[in-house]
Amino acid sequence: MTDEMMEEGGTVKKLMYVCRTAPYGTIYALEALEVVLIGAAFEQDVCLVFTDDGVFEIMKGQKTDDIGMKNFSPTYRALEMYDVEKLYVEKEAMEQRGLGEDDFNVDVEVKSAAEIQALMEEMDIVLNY
């Protein structure tokens, strides 16, 4: 990156984070959330896609006391403060898990797998978690 680009705010990349794993049991979901916040802090064009078991990451009413882990799902509501407003849920993954748009703790746009694939092709970087 040149000095001129830095002075003008740098190059803005289109970043897509694809969340595919359940929120607990691995570090992937929390790690993805942290990386999204970092990317947004650097004023990149960030979007999140929740697919497969990743749709559970934003589900309302998560109770983690019995597994001894902190419930980090409320943090997703802070994404809007970082200008991360493009949150997509794969329709097929949502339906296969018996979920609907009202089951999520953040506003999402539901898109088909084909629509998400088309979005991926527009991105500069796609990261899977």
Foldseek 3Di string as FASTA:
>chain_A
DDPVQVVVLHDAFEEEEEEADAPDDDCVNVVSLVVQLVSLVSVHNYEYEYAHNSVNLFFPDDDCVVVPDDNPNVVVVCVVVSVHDAYEYAPVRQVVVVHDQVRGPDHYHYDHPVVVVVVVVVGPYYHYD
